[in-house]
Amino acid sequence: MGGGAARQVALSPTGSWDAWGLSATATPPRAGAGTVAVTFGAADSGNVNIDSLTVRPHPVG
């Protein structure tokens, strides 16, 4: 995010496509505009169905 190094986020299995799960991760804030990319690489396993992605501002202080 924001020009930082890519990193992998592990998602817990839900057991079926009918079960929903949530996952959260944090990244250090950087000055200026940021870009978030979610990718599935050739070496990744499993299937992912992302229905929403929420980005929140980092709390100040």
Protein backbone atom coordinates (compact mmCIF):
# COMPACT_ATOMS: atom_id res chain seq x y z
CA MET A 1 0.00 0.00 0.00
CA GLY A 2 1.22 3.47 -0.77
CA GLY A 3 4.36 2.28 -2.52
CA GLY A 4 5.39 -0.09 0.28
CA ALA A 5 6.53 -3.65 -0.23
CA ALA A 6 3.89 -6.23 -1.13
CA ARG A 7 2.91 -8.62 1.61
CA GLN A 8 0.76 -11.68 1.92
CA VAL A 9 -2.33 -11.80 4.13
CA ALA A 10 -3.55 -15.21 5.31
CA LEU A 11 -7.32 -15.71 5.24
CA SER A 12 -8.93 -18.28 7.51
CA PRO A 13 -11.00 -20.96 5.76
CA THR A 14 -14.76 -20.77 6.31
CA GLY A 15 -15.66 -24.33 5.33
CA SER A 16 -17.99 -23.50 2.44
CA TRP A 17 -18.98 -20.79 -0.03
CA ASP A 18 -22.13 -20.25 2.07
CA ALA A 19 -20.13 -19.21 5.16
CA TRP A 20 -18.70 -15.71 5.46
CA GLY A 21 -15.50 -14.63 7.15
CA LEU A 22 -13.78 -11.37 8.04
CA SER A 23 -10.11 -10.53 8.03
CA ALA A 24 -8.25 -7.38 9.08
CA THR A 25 -4.73 -6.15 8.57
CA ALA A 26 -2.96 -2.88 9.26
CA THR A 27 -0.23 -1.05 7.42
CA PRO A 28 1.82 1.90 8.63
CA PRO A 29 0.55 5.25 7.35
CA ARG A 30 2.49 7.04 4.63
CA ALA A 31 2.23 10.65 3.55
CA GLY A 32 0.25 11.38 0.40
CA ALA A 33 -2.21 9.34 -1.62
CA GLY A 34 -2.18 5.57 -1.30
CA THR A 35 -3.11 2.67 -3.56
CA VAL A 36 -4.36 -0.72 -2.36
CA ALA A 37 -4.07 -3.78 -4.60
CA VAL A 38 -5.45 -7.24 -3.88
CA THR A 39 -3.91 -9.92 -6.09
CA PHE A 40 -3.90 -13.70 -6.37
CA GLY A 41 -0.48 -14.89 -7.54
CA ALA A 42 0.52 -18.10 -9.31
CA ALA A 43 2.06 -19.49 -6.10
CA ASP A 44 -1.05 -18.73 -3.99
CA SER A 45 -3.47 -21.48 -3.01
CA GLY A 46 -7.19 -21.56 -2.34
CA ASN A 47 -10.02 -19.52 -3.78
CA VAL A 48 -11.04 -16.07 -2.61
CA ASN A 49 -14.31 -14.24 -3.06
CA ILE A 50 -13.94 -10.66 -1.83
CA ASP A 51 -17.26 -8.87 -1.56
CA SER A 52 -16.01 -5.69 0.06
CA LEU A 53 -12.85 -3.94 1.14
CA THR A 54 -12.84 -1.18 3.75
CA VAL A 55 -9.96 1.25 4.18
CA ARG A 56 -9.96 3.38 7.29
CA PRO A 57 -7.69 6.28 8.26
CA HIS A 58 -5.00 5.59 10.79
CA PRO A 59 -5.82 7.17 14.17
CA VAL A 60 -3.68 10.19 14.99
CA GLY A 61 -1.87 10.23 18.29
